[in-house]
C-alpha atoms as a PDB file:
ATOM      1  CA  MET A   1     211.179-146.132 106.096  1.00  0.00           C
ATOM      2  CA  GLN A   2     210.328-142.661 107.458  1.00  0.00           C
ATOM      3  CA  THR A   3     211.646-143.671 110.903  1.00  0.00           C
ATOM      4  CA  LYS A   4     214.936-144.928 109.464  1.00  0.00           C
ATOM      5  CA  PHE A   5     215.337-141.712 107.480  1.00  0.00           C
ATOM      6  CA  THR A   6     214.658-139.611 110.582  1.00  0.00           C
ATOM      7  CA  LEU A   7     217.255-141.545 112.575  1.00  0.00           C
ATOM      8  CA  PHE A   8     219.765-141.076 109.752  1.00  0.00           C
ATOM      9  CA  LEU A   9     219.167-137.315 109.782  1.00  0.00           C
ATOM     10  CA  LEU A  10     219.632-137.201 113.567  1.00  0.00           C
ATOM     11  CA  ALA A  11     222.895-139.139 113.369  1.00  0.00           C
ATOM     12  CA  THR A  12     224.123-136.910 110.550  1.00  0.00           C
ATOM     13  CA  TYR A  13     223.196-133.777 112.503  1.00  0.00           C
ATOM     14  CA  PHE A  14     225.022-134.809 115.649  1.00  0.00           C
ATOM     15  CA  ALA A  15     228.076-135.934 113.696  1.00  0.00           C
ATOM     16  CA  ALA A  16     228.213-132.496 112.075  1.00  0.00           C
ATOM     17  CA  ALA A  17     227.501-130.629 115.339  1.00  0.00           C
ATOM     18  CA  ARG A  18     230.353-132.093 117.380  1.00  0.00           C
ATOM     19  CA  ALA A  19     232.229-129.476 119.363  1.00  0.00           C
ATOM     20  CA  PHE A  20     235.478-131.373 119.832  1.00  0.00           C
ATOM     21  CA  THR A  21     238.220-129.020 120.967  1.00  0.00           C
ATOM     22  CA  MET A  22     241.915-129.173 121.779  1.00  0.00           C
ATOM     23  CA  ASP A  23     241.807-125.834 123.602  1.00  0.00           C
ATOM     24  CA  TYR A  24     242.645-127.470 126.947  1.00  0.00           C
ATOM     25  CA  TYR A  25     245.282-129.850 125.557  1.00  0.00           C
ATOM     26  CA  LYS A  26     248.506-129.699 127.619  1.00  0.00           C
ATOM     27  CA  PRO A  27     251.126-132.300 126.628  1.00  0.00           C
ATOM     28  CA  SER A  28     254.305-132.948 128.574  1.00  0.00           C
ATOM     29  CA  SER A  29     257.639-132.375 126.853  1.00  0.00           C
ATOM     30  CA  ASP A  30     258.103-136.076 126.001  1.00  0.00           C
ATOM     31  CA  VAL A  31     254.815-136.290 124.070  1.00  0.00           C
ATOM     32  CA  GLU A  32     255.436-135.989 120.329  1.00  0.00           C
ATOM     33  CA  PRO A  33     253.624-133.133 118.511  1.00  0.00           C
ATOM     34  CA  GLU A  34     252.125-135.742 116.148  1.00  0.00           C
ATOM     35  CA  PHE A  35     250.216-137.337 119.028  1.00  0.00           C
ATOM     36  CA  ARG A  36     247.878-134.347 119.058  1.00  0.00           C
ATOM     37  CA  ASN A  37     246.747-135.091 115.504  1.00  0.00           C
ATOM     38  CA  LEU A  38     246.278-138.781 116.299  1.00  0.00           C
ATOM     39  CA  LEU A  39     244.208-138.013 119.396  1.00  0.00           C
ATOM     40  CA  GLU A  40     242.069-135.473 117.571  1.00  0.00           C
ATOM     41  CA  SER A  41     241.404-137.918 114.754  1.00  0.00           C
ATOM     42  CA  LEU A  42     240.633-140.768 117.162  1.00  0.00           C
ATOM     43  CA  TYR A  43     238.188-138.688 119.199  1.00  0.00           C
ATOM     44  CA  SER A  44     236.511-137.401 116.036  1.00  0.00           C
ATOM     45  CA  SER A  45     235.807-140.995 114.999  1.00  0.00           C
ATOM     46  CA  ALA A  46     234.743-141.976 118.518  1.00  0.00           C
ATOM     47  CA  GLU A  47     232.283-139.061 118.674  1.00  0.00           C
ATOM     48  CA  ASN A  48     230.573-140.008 115.419  1.00  0.00           C
ATOM     49  CA  PRO A  49     227.584-142.188 116.421  1.00  0.00           C
ATOM     50  CA  THR A  50     227.564-143.960 113.057  1.00  0.00           C
ATOM     51  CA  SER A  51     231.305-144.649 112.757  1.00  0.00           C
ATOM     52  CA  THR A  52     232.341-148.300 112.616  1.00  0.00           C
ATOM     53  CA  THR A  53     235.462-149.296 110.650  1.00  0.00           C
ATOM     54  CA  ASP A  54     236.710-145.707 110.613  1.00  0.00           C
ATOM     55  CA  PHE A  55     236.997-146.100 114.396  1.00  0.00           C
ATOM     56  CA  THR A  56     238.233-149.688 114.578  1.00  0.00           C
ATOM     57  CA  ASP A  57     240.924-149.145 111.940  1.00  0.00           C
ATOM     58  CA  PHE A  58     242.933-147.281 114.584  1.00  0.00           C
ATOM     59  CA  PHE A  59     243.304-150.613 116.413  1.00  0.00           C
ATOM     60  CA  THR A  60     245.433-153.651 115.710  1.00  0.00           C
ATOM     61  CA  PRO A  61     243.376-156.675 114.544  1.00  0.00           C
ATOM     62  CA  SER A  62     243.362-157.955 118.129  1.00  0.00           C
ATOM     63  CA  GLY A  63     243.127-154.480 119.687  1.00  0.00           C
ATOM     64  CA  THR A  64     241.153-153.830 122.844  1.00  0.00           C
ATOM     65  CA  LEU A  65     238.755-151.146 124.080  1.00  0.00           C
ATOM     66  CA  ILE A  66     238.236-150.981 127.852  1.00  0.00           C
ATOM     67  CA  VAL A  67     235.741-148.766 129.661  1.00  0.00           C
ATOM     68  CA  LEU A  68     236.192-149.355 133.382  1.00  0.00           C
ATOM     69  CA  SER A  69     235.189-153.014 133.926  1.00  0.00           C
ATOM     70  CA  TYR A  70     233.900-153.540 130.366  1.00  0.00           C
ATOM     71  CA  THR A  71     236.306-155.020 127.817  1.00  0.00           C
ATOM     72  CA  ALA A  72     235.963-155.495 124.055  1.00  0.00           C
ATOM     73  CA  HIS A  73     238.538-157.440 122.009  1.00  0.00           C
ATOM     74  CA  GLY A  74     238.639-157.174 118.218  1.00  0.00           C
ATOM     75  CA  PRO A  75     236.731-154.923 115.803  1.00  0.00           C
ATOM     76  CA  ASP A  76     233.267-156.483 116.117  1.00  0.00           C
ATOM     77  CA  ALA A  77     233.260-156.333 119.903  1.00  0.00           C
ATOM     78  CA  ILE A  78     234.706-152.796 119.879  1.00  0.00           C
ATOM     79  CA  ILE A  79     231.910-151.568 117.607  1.00  0.00           C
ATOM     80  CA  LYS A  80     229.303-153.270 119.786  1.00  0.00           C
ATOM     81  CA  LEU A  81     230.624-151.638 122.968  1.00  0.00           C
ATOM     82  CA  LYS A  82     230.901-148.245 121.272  1.00  0.00           C
ATOM     83  CA  GLN A  83     227.282-148.454 120.134  1.00  0.00           C
ATOM     84  CA  ILE A  84     226.178-149.258 123.689  1.00  0.00           C
ATOM     85  CA  LEU A  85     227.961-146.149 124.905  1.00  0.00           C
ATOM     86  CA  LEU A  86     226.997-143.925 121.968  1.00  0.00           C
ATOM     87  CA  PRO A  87     223.888-145.292 120.212  1.00  0.00           C
ATOM     88  CA  PRO A  88     223.947-144.896 116.414  1.00  0.00           C
ATOM     89  CA  ASP A  89     220.450-143.352 116.368  1.00  0.00           C
ATOM     90  CA  GLY A  90     222.087-140.013 117.173  1.00  0.00           C
ATOM     91  CA  HIS A  91     220.092-139.086 120.286  1.00  0.00           C
ATOM     92  CA  LYS A  92     223.336-138.589 122.207  1.00  0.00           C
ATOM     93  CA  GLN A  93     226.450-136.564 121.383  1.00  0.00           C
ATOM     94  CA  TRP A  94     229.958-136.681 122.869  1.00  0.00           C
ATOM     95  CA  ASP A  95     232.516-133.885 123.006  1.00  0.00           C
ATOM     96  CA  HIS A  96     235.978-134.679 124.357  1.00  0.00           C
ATOM     97  CA  LEU A  97     238.082-131.913 125.909  1.00  0.00           C
ATOM     98  CA  PRO A  98     241.512-133.510 126.494  1.00  0.00           C
ATOM     99  CA  ASN A  99     243.762-131.796 129.008  1.00  0.00           C
ATOM    100  CA  ILE A 100     246.927-133.086 130.742  1.00  0.00           C
ATOM    101  CA  THR A 101     248.723-135.598 128.488  1.00  0.00           C
ATOM    102  CA  THR A 102     251.838-137.523 129.548  1.00  0.00           C
ATOM    103  CA  VAL A 103     253.872-140.604 128.660  1.00  0.00           C
ATOM    104  CA  TYR A 104     252.946-143.419 131.048  1.00  0.00           C
ATOM    105  CA  SER A 105     255.406-145.990 129.692  1.00  0.00           C
ATOM    106  CA  ASP A 106     257.970-146.256 126.898  1.00  0.00           C
ATOM    107  CA  THR A 107     259.611-149.537 125.826  1.00  0.00           C
ATOM    108  CA  GLU A 108     261.341-150.842 122.716  1.00  0.00           C
ATOM    109  CA  THR A 109     258.086-152.174 121.279  1.00  0.00           C
ATOM    110  CA  GLU A 110     255.328-149.853 122.489  1.00  0.00           C
ATOM    111  CA  LYS A 111     254.538-146.501 124.070  1.00  0.00           C
ATOM    112  CA  ILE A 112     251.659-145.703 126.429  1.00  0.00           C
ATOM    113  CA  TYR A 113     250.153-142.226 126.663  1.00  0.00           C
ATOM    114  CA  ASP A 114     247.980-141.061 129.561  1.00  0.00           C
ATOM    115  CA  VAL A 115     245.312-138.443 128.827  1.00  0.00           C
ATOM    116  CA  SER A 116     243.012-136.741 131.318  1.00  0.00           C
ATOM    117  CA  GLY A 117     240.175-134.430 130.391  1.00  0.00           C
ATOM    118  CA  VAL A 118     236.471-133.726 130.333  1.00  0.00           C
ATOM    119  CA  ILE A 119     233.792-135.404 128.236  1.00  0.00           C
ATOM    120  CA  ARG A 120     230.524-133.617 127.595  1.00  0.00           C
ATOM    121  CA  SER A 121     227.362-135.603 126.816  1.00  0.00           C
ATOM    122  CA  THR A 122     224.458-133.894 125.070  1.00  0.00           C
ATOM    123  CA  TYR A 123     221.099-135.564 124.564  1.00  0.00           C
ATOM    124  CA  THR A 124     218.263-134.782 122.175  1.00  0.00           C
ATOM    125  CA  GLY A 125     216.389-131.911 123.755  1.00  0.00           C
ATOM    126  CA  GLY A 126     219.506-130.056 124.859  1.00  0.00           C
ATOM    127  CA  ASN A 127     220.522-131.642 128.185  1.00  0.00           C
ATOM    128  CA  CYS A 128     224.315-131.300 128.356  1.00  0.00           C
ATOM    129  CA  SER A 129     226.528-132.320 131.274  1.00  0.00           C
ATOM    130  CA  ALA A 130     230.201-133.118 131.876  1.00  0.00           C
ATOM    131  CA  ALA A 131     232.323-135.861 133.438  1.00  0.00           C
ATOM    132  CA  TYR A 132     236.011-136.231 134.205  1.00  0.00           C
ATOM    133  CA  TYR A 133     237.973-139.027 132.511  1.00  0.00           C
ATOM    134  CA  LYS A 134     241.427-140.557 132.347  1.00  0.00           C
ATOM    135  CA  SER A 135     242.498-142.795 129.458  1.00  0.00           C
ATOM    136  CA  ARG A 136     245.603-144.675 128.385  1.00  0.00           C
ATOM    137  CA  PHE A 137     246.524-145.378 124.775  1.00  0.00           C
ATOM    138  CA  THR A 138     249.019-148.139 123.983  1.00  0.00           C
ATOM    139  CA  LEU A 139     250.654-147.789 120.567  1.00  0.00           C
ATOM    140  CA  LEU A 140     253.032-150.162 118.797  1.00  0.00           C
ATOM    141  CA  LYS A 141     256.385-148.913 117.571  1.00  0.00           C
ATOM    142  CA  ASN A 142     257.830-149.156 114.081  1.00  0.00           C
ATOM    143  CA  SER A 143     260.857-151.312 113.241  1.00  0.00           C
ATOM    144  CA  ASP A 144     263.097-148.283 113.829  1.00  0.00           C
ATOM    145  CA  SER A 145     261.681-147.928 117.387  1.00  0.00           C
ATOM    146  CA  SER A 146     259.733-144.775 116.532  1.00  0.00           C
ATOM    147  CA  THR A 147     256.110-144.687 117.675  1.00  0.00           C
ATOM    148  CA  ASN A 148     253.538-144.999 114.898  1.00  0.00           C
ATOM    149  CA  LEU A 149     251.304-141.946 115.293  1.00  0.00           C
ATOM    150  CA  ASP A 150     249.533-142.100 111.947  1.00  0.00           C
ATOM    151  CA  PRO A 151     245.714-142.079 112.297  1.00  0.00           C
ATOM    152  CA  HIS A 152     243.836-145.153 111.051  1.00  0.00           C
ATOM    153  CA  SER A 153     247.108-147.112 110.774  1.00  0.00           C
ATOM    154  CA  GLY A 154     246.132-150.101 112.913  1.00  0.00           C
ATOM    155  CA  PHE A 155     248.799-149.568 115.580  1.00  0.00           C
ATOM    156  CA  LEU A 156     246.565-148.942 118.626  1.00  0.00           C
ATOM    157  CA  VAL A 157     246.843-151.966 120.916  1.00  0.00           C
ATOM    158  CA  LEU A 158     244.716-150.672 123.788  1.00  0.00           C
ATOM    159  CA  TYR A 159     242.321-147.790 124.438  1.00  0.00           C
ATOM    160  CA  ASP A 160     241.673-147.913 128.172  1.00  0.00           C
ATOM    161  CA  ASP A 161     239.170-145.568 129.856  1.00  0.00           C
ATOM    162  CA  TYR A 162     240.302-146.541 133.337  1.00  0.00           C
ATOM    163  CA  TYR A 163     238.692-143.645 135.233  1.00  0.00           C
ATOM    164  CA  VAL A 164     235.363-141.860 134.773  1.00  0.00           C
ATOM    165  CA  TYR A 165     233.737-139.549 137.326  1.00  0.00           C
ATOM    166  CA  PRO A 166     230.875-139.036 137.885  1.00  0.00           C
ATOM    167  CA  ASP A 167     229.849-142.490 136.720  1.00  0.00           C
ATOM    168  CA  TYR A 168     226.357-141.534 135.621  1.00  0.00           C
ATOM    169  CA  SER A 169     224.951-139.462 132.796  1.00  0.00           C
ATOM    170  CA  PRO A 170     223.562-136.839 132.756  1.00  0.00           C
ATOM    171  CA  THR A 171     225.802-135.655 135.594  1.00  0.00           C
ATOM    172  CA  ASP A 172     225.250-132.688 137.929  1.00  0.00           C
ATOM    173  CA  ILE A 173     228.007-130.691 136.172  1.00  0.00           C
ATOM    174  CA  PRO A 174     226.371-128.582 133.430  1.00  0.00           C
ATOM    175  CA  CYS A 175     228.189-127.855 130.193  1.00  0.00           C
ATOM    176  CA  THR A 176     227.599-124.157 130.863  1.00  0.00           C
ATOM    177  CA  THR A 177     230.221-124.329 133.625  1.00  0.00           C
ATOM    178  CA  LYS A 178     232.889-121.772 132.676  1.00  0.00           C
ATOM    179  CA  ASP A 179     235.767-124.182 133.285  1.00  0.00           C
ATOM    180  CA  PRO A 180     234.566-127.793 133.664  1.00  0.00           C
ATOM    181  CA  HIS A 181     238.080-129.009 134.473  1.00  0.00           C
ATOM    182  CA  GLU A 182     238.273-126.707 137.480  1.00  0.00           C
ATOM    183  CA  LYS A 183     234.863-127.676 138.839  1.00  0.00           C
ATOM    184  CA  ILE A 184     235.372-131.417 138.346  1.00  0.00           C
ATOM    185  CA  ASN A 185     238.822-131.310 139.910  1.00  0.00           C
ATOM    186  CA  ALA A 186     237.334-129.555 142.942  1.00  0.00           C
ATOM    187  CA  ILE A 187     234.765-132.343 143.286  1.00  0.00           C
ATOM    188  CA  LYS A 188     237.134-135.258 142.790  1.00  0.00           C
ATOM    189  CA  ASN A 189     239.733-133.828 145.164  1.00  0.00           C
ATOM    190  CA  THR A 190     237.243-134.189 148.011  1.00  0.00           C
ATOM    191  CA  MET A 191     236.987-137.932 147.425  1.00  0.00           C
ATOM    192  CA  SER A 192     239.308-140.909 147.355  1.00  0.00           C
ATOM    193  CA  SER A 193     239.480-142.508 143.924  1.00  0.00           C
ATOM    194  CA  ASN A 194     238.935-145.857 145.651  1.00  0.00           C
ATOM    195  CA  SER A 195     235.530-144.702 146.860  1.00  0.00           C
ATOM    196  CA  LEU A 196     234.113-143.780 143.462  1.00  0.00           C
ATOM    197  CA  PRO A 197     231.143-146.000 142.548  1.00  0.00           C
ATOM    198  CA  TYR A 198     230.994-147.458 139.027  1.00  0.00           C
ATOM    199  CA  SER A 199     228.156-149.956 139.473  1.00  0.00           C
ATOM    200  CA  ASN A 200     225.490-147.972 137.594  1.00  0.00           C
ATOM    201  CA  LEU A 201     227.587-146.984 134.576  1.00  0.00           C
ATOM    202  CA  PHE A 202     225.613-149.110 132.120  1.00  0.00           C
ATOM    203  CA  THR A 203     222.110-148.927 133.603  1.00  0.00           C
ATOM    204  CA  ASP A 204     219.429-147.993 131.090  1.00  0.00           C
ATOM    205  CA  GLN A 205     218.966-144.522 132.575  1.00  0.00           C
ATOM    206  CA  ASN A 206     222.594-143.729 133.313  1.00  0.00           C
ATOM    207  CA  ARG A 207     224.815-144.702 130.390  1.00  0.00           C
ATOM    208  CA  LEU A 208     227.805-142.451 129.875  1.00  0.00           C
END
């Protein structure tokens, strides 16, 4: 019982200590202002290690979460994958710093947004490091062809983390870096995206 209570306190602490920020957020002119609120709400739920339905209720009933080569369809599978990435015991904390945001595709039935940024991972004990990510969010449209940007409305078809670099955690980019976007961009620009290794993403020692 004492162990369970301790884990609950850790999870509660990290949920309260999240340092999510939109300070780097830079949307293109065709991105609706309301998308900012949706993204902030989605990341807030994603960063909570104990969130379950308050994360999956962004998705359609058959919605999908993809992290590189790992795919989860439906709420149960999405929660399972999220808990692999961010264990509910609270020993790990995420902080998303979204940056360049554009419209990747826009049709009569859905709209896809592309977001690049930095994710910081902090572990119990204080180790904090950063990684560069790119994600795409596919949202259904309403009957009037407007995009549904209401949080927790069940209109998210796909959350696709299609690019993560470095692919290990902790990385060699400390959170104390003055501008993590600048440092990570300098690193990734020296490499071809096709050469980035993803094989050890889910090893026991190197989960993002």
